[in-house]
């Protein structure tokens, strides 16, 4: 799930090389990607606060079978929580400051991770404000 060049928010795996059009690269994982140096990751900002809580992440990764919809609901609720407000606002600010912004993750299957939920939440917040 890599955003097109015309989109202000893009998504890339941490294991793929950075590209000139990435703009501000934001790591949106709680843990640093295994085996990736800081130079190779080329991350400008690390927003751990945007990730699912350890409890939610552990619950989802323990057994994903039939849990995706509930994971999405629970993660959306966390993103609306005041504990995430500052990080969400910081990400909105980065996009509004001219983008593009590339969300960087180590997730193998991005479509089944927290990243699409985060992108959707970001778009929703930007429409409201």
C-alpha atoms as a PDB file:
ATOM      1  CA  UNK A   1       0.000   0.000   0.000  1.00  0.00           C
ATOM      2  CA  UNK A   2       2.193   2.786  -1.250  1.00  0.00           C
ATOM      3  CA  UNK A   3       0.520   6.125  -1.769  1.00  0.00           C
ATOM      4  CA  UNK A   4       0.676   7.714  -5.181  1.00  0.00           C
ATOM      5  CA  UNK A   5       2.852  10.734  -5.842  1.00  0.00           C
ATOM      6  CA  UNK A   6      -0.208  13.021  -5.824  1.00  0.00           C
ATOM      7  CA  UNK A   7      -1.286  11.944  -2.317  1.00  0.00           C
ATOM      8  CA  UNK A   8      -0.073  14.012   0.639  1.00  0.00           C
ATOM      9  CA  UNK A   9       0.279  10.855   2.780  1.00  0.00           C
ATOM     10  CA  UNK A  10       2.208   7.860   1.532  1.00  0.00           C
ATOM     11  CA  UNK A  11       3.168   4.563   3.100  1.00  0.00           C
ATOM     12  CA  UNK A  12       6.428   2.650   2.745  1.00  0.00           C
ATOM     13  CA  UNK A  13       8.056  -0.276   4.448  1.00  0.00           C
ATOM     14  CA  UNK A  14      11.107   0.520   6.535  1.00  0.00           C
ATOM     15  CA  UNK A  15      13.046  -2.107   4.577  1.00  0.00           C
ATOM     16  CA  UNK A  16      12.546  -0.314   1.253  1.00  0.00           C
ATOM     17  CA  UNK A  17      14.946   2.472   0.307  1.00  0.00           C
ATOM     18  CA  UNK A  18      13.872   6.074   0.828  1.00  0.00           C
ATOM     19  CA  UNK A  19      12.913   7.956  -2.320  1.00  0.00           C
ATOM     20  CA  UNK A  20      13.375  11.601  -3.228  1.00  0.00           C
ATOM     21  CA  UNK A  21       9.621  12.316  -3.224  1.00  0.00           C
ATOM     22  CA  UNK A  22       8.997  10.882   0.238  1.00  0.00           C
ATOM     23  CA  UNK A  23       9.030  14.258   1.953  1.00  0.00           C
ATOM     24  CA  UNK A  24       8.940  13.962   5.730  1.00  0.00           C
ATOM     25  CA  UNK A  25       9.377  10.326   6.739  1.00  0.00           C
ATOM     26  CA  UNK A  26       7.516   9.387   9.924  1.00  0.00           C
ATOM     27  CA  UNK A  27       8.075   6.042  11.628  1.00  0.00           C
ATOM     28  CA  UNK A  28       4.712   4.853  12.970  1.00  0.00           C
ATOM     29  CA  UNK A  29       5.819   1.689  14.788  1.00  0.00           C
ATOM     30  CA  UNK A  30       6.346   1.299  18.524  1.00  0.00           C
ATOM     31  CA  UNK A  31       9.621  -0.603  18.016  1.00  0.00           C
ATOM     32  CA  UNK A  32      12.518   0.294  15.750  1.00  0.00           C
ATOM     33  CA  UNK A  33      12.563  -1.948  12.635  1.00  0.00           C
ATOM     34  CA  UNK A  34      14.875  -4.897  13.214  1.00  0.00           C
ATOM     35  CA  UNK A  35      18.104  -4.762  11.222  1.00  0.00           C
ATOM     36  CA  UNK A  36      17.515  -1.282   9.774  1.00  0.00           C
ATOM     37  CA  UNK A  37      20.067   1.409  10.525  1.00  0.00           C
ATOM     38  CA  UNK A  38      18.996   4.968  11.247  1.00  0.00           C
ATOM     39  CA  UNK A  39      20.726   6.080   8.056  1.00  0.00           C
ATOM     40  CA  UNK A  40      18.931   3.519   5.899  1.00  0.00           C
ATOM     41  CA  UNK A  41      15.541   4.217   7.474  1.00  0.00           C
ATOM     42  CA  UNK A  42      15.988   7.947   6.808  1.00  0.00           C
ATOM     43  CA  UNK A  43      13.287   8.720   9.373  1.00  0.00           C
ATOM     44  CA  UNK A  44      12.718  12.367  10.231  1.00  0.00           C
ATOM     45  CA  UNK A  45      10.203  11.830  13.042  1.00  0.00           C
ATOM     46  CA  UNK A  46       9.336   8.802  15.176  1.00  0.00           C
ATOM     47  CA  UNK A  47       5.786   8.982  16.516  1.00  0.00           C
ATOM     48  CA  UNK A  48       5.510   5.901  18.744  1.00  0.00           C
ATOM     49  CA  UNK A  49       2.462   7.484  20.321  1.00  0.00           C
ATOM     50  CA  UNK A  50       0.433   6.820  17.147  1.00  0.00           C
ATOM     51  CA  UNK A  51       0.720   3.064  17.473  1.00  0.00           C
ATOM     52  CA  UNK A  52      -1.780   0.725  19.081  1.00  0.00           C
ATOM     53  CA  UNK A  53      -1.295   0.193  22.804  1.00  0.00           C
ATOM     54  CA  UNK A  54       0.870  -2.744  23.835  1.00  0.00           C
ATOM     55  CA  UNK A  55      -2.243  -4.506  25.104  1.00  0.00           C
ATOM     56  CA  UNK A  56      -4.113  -4.098  21.799  1.00  0.00           C
ATOM     57  CA  UNK A  57      -1.081  -4.981  19.711  1.00  0.00           C
ATOM     58  CA  UNK A  58      -0.421  -8.153  21.727  1.00  0.00           C
ATOM     59  CA  UNK A  59      -4.085  -9.171  21.589  1.00  0.00           C
ATOM     60  CA  UNK A  60      -4.199  -8.741  17.804  1.00  0.00           C
ATOM     61  CA  UNK A  61      -0.871 -10.399  17.039  1.00  0.00           C
ATOM     62  CA  UNK A  62      -1.605 -13.372  19.300  1.00  0.00           C
ATOM     63  CA  UNK A  63      -4.370 -14.595  16.973  1.00  0.00           C
ATOM     64  CA  UNK A  64      -5.479 -12.466  14.036  1.00  0.00           C
ATOM     65  CA  UNK A  65      -8.143 -14.922  12.893  1.00  0.00           C
ATOM     66  CA  UNK A  66     -11.423 -13.034  12.713  1.00  0.00           C
ATOM     67  CA  UNK A  67     -10.113 -10.166  14.817  1.00  0.00           C
ATOM     68  CA  UNK A  68      -9.360  -7.508  12.215  1.00  0.00           C
ATOM     69  CA  UNK A  69     -12.681  -5.653  12.450  1.00  0.00           C
ATOM     70  CA  UNK A  70     -12.545  -5.537  16.243  1.00  0.00           C
ATOM     71  CA  UNK A  71      -8.887  -4.462  16.078  1.00  0.00           C
ATOM     72  CA  UNK A  72      -9.849  -1.577  13.770  1.00  0.00           C
ATOM     73  CA  UNK A  73     -12.646  -0.466  16.118  1.00  0.00           C
ATOM     74  CA  UNK A  74     -10.462  -0.654  19.204  1.00  0.00           C
ATOM     75  CA  UNK A  75      -7.537   1.146  17.533  1.00  0.00           C
ATOM     76  CA  UNK A  76      -9.833   3.918  16.261  1.00  0.00           C
ATOM     77  CA  UNK A  77     -11.065   4.383  19.823  1.00  0.00           C
ATOM     78  CA  UNK A  78      -7.456   4.644  21.012  1.00  0.00           C
ATOM     79  CA  UNK A  79      -6.651   7.238  18.347  1.00  0.00           C
ATOM     80  CA  UNK A  80      -9.582   9.344  19.569  1.00  0.00           C
ATOM     81  CA  UNK A  81      -8.284   9.090  23.135  1.00  0.00           C
ATOM     82  CA  UNK A  82      -6.613  12.172  24.614  1.00  0.00           C
ATOM     83  CA  UNK A  83      -3.371  10.205  24.990  1.00  0.00           C
ATOM     84  CA  UNK A  84      -3.022  10.239  21.181  1.00  0.00           C
ATOM     85  CA  UNK A  85      -4.202  13.814  20.564  1.00  0.00           C
ATOM     86  CA  UNK A  86      -0.782  15.480  20.558  1.00  0.00           C
ATOM     87  CA  UNK A  87       0.767  12.932  18.193  1.00  0.00           C
ATOM     88  CA  UNK A  88      -2.221  13.063  15.815  1.00  0.00           C
ATOM     89  CA  UNK A  89      -2.050  16.858  15.796  1.00  0.00           C
ATOM     90  CA  UNK A  90       1.681  16.730  15.090  1.00  0.00           C
ATOM     91  CA  UNK A  91       1.093  14.424  12.115  1.00  0.00           C
ATOM     92  CA  UNK A  92      -1.725  16.649  10.812  1.00  0.00           C
ATOM     93  CA  UNK A  93       0.638  19.609  11.110  1.00  0.00           C
ATOM     94  CA  UNK A  94       3.315  17.841   9.080  1.00  0.00           C
ATOM     95  CA  UNK A  95       0.825  17.126   6.299  1.00  0.00           C
ATOM     96  CA  UNK A  96      -0.575  20.649   6.347  1.00  0.00           C
ATOM     97  CA  UNK A  97       2.907  22.168   6.301  1.00  0.00           C
ATOM     98  CA  UNK A  98       3.190  21.138   2.701  1.00  0.00           C
ATOM     99  CA  UNK A  99       3.691  17.393   2.710  1.00  0.00           C
ATOM    100  CA  UNK A 100       4.226  14.977   1.334  1.00  0.00           C
ATOM    101  CA  UNK A 101       4.483  12.810   4.413  1.00  0.00           C
ATOM    102  CA  UNK A 102       5.528   9.186   4.195  1.00  0.00           C
ATOM    103  CA  UNK A 103       4.483   6.860   6.984  1.00  0.00           C
ATOM    104  CA  UNK A 104       7.175   4.257   7.517  1.00  0.00           C
ATOM    105  CA  UNK A 105       6.454   0.847   9.022  1.00  0.00           C
ATOM    106  CA  UNK A 106       8.123  -2.523   9.410  1.00  0.00           C
ATOM    107  CA  UNK A 107       4.813  -4.368   9.008  1.00  0.00           C
ATOM    108  CA  UNK A 108       5.054  -7.234   6.526  1.00  0.00           C
ATOM    109  CA  UNK A 109       1.406  -6.981   5.533  1.00  0.00           C
ATOM    110  CA  UNK A 110       0.624  -3.289   5.628  1.00  0.00           C
ATOM    111  CA  UNK A 111      -3.019  -3.794   4.648  1.00  0.00           C
ATOM    112  CA  UNK A 112      -3.556  -5.967   7.745  1.00  0.00           C
ATOM    113  CA  UNK A 113      -1.689  -3.625  10.100  1.00  0.00           C
ATOM    114  CA  UNK A 114      -2.529  -0.472  12.037  1.00  0.00           C
ATOM    115  CA  UNK A 115      -1.283   1.789   9.242  1.00  0.00           C
ATOM    116  CA  UNK A 116      -4.444   1.893   7.043  1.00  0.00           C
ATOM    117  CA  UNK A 117      -6.495   2.695  10.151  1.00  0.00           C
ATOM    118  CA  UNK A 118      -4.084   5.509  10.998  1.00  0.00           C
ATOM    119  CA  UNK A 119      -4.230   6.902   7.439  1.00  0.00           C
ATOM    120  CA  UNK A 120      -8.037   6.802   7.493  1.00  0.00           C
ATOM    121  CA  UNK A 121      -8.109   8.496  10.904  1.00  0.00           C
ATOM    122  CA  UNK A 122      -5.736  11.190   9.688  1.00  0.00           C
ATOM    123  CA  UNK A 123      -7.929  11.937   6.661  1.00  0.00           C
ATOM    124  CA  UNK A 124     -11.002  12.100   8.897  1.00  0.00           C
ATOM    125  CA  UNK A 125      -9.338  14.486  11.356  1.00  0.00           C
ATOM    126  CA  UNK A 126      -8.125  16.724   8.531  1.00  0.00           C
ATOM    127  CA  UNK A 127     -11.671  16.978   7.131  1.00  0.00           C
ATOM    128  CA  UNK A 128     -13.029  18.011  10.543  1.00  0.00           C
ATOM    129  CA  UNK A 129     -10.483  20.745  11.162  1.00  0.00           C
END
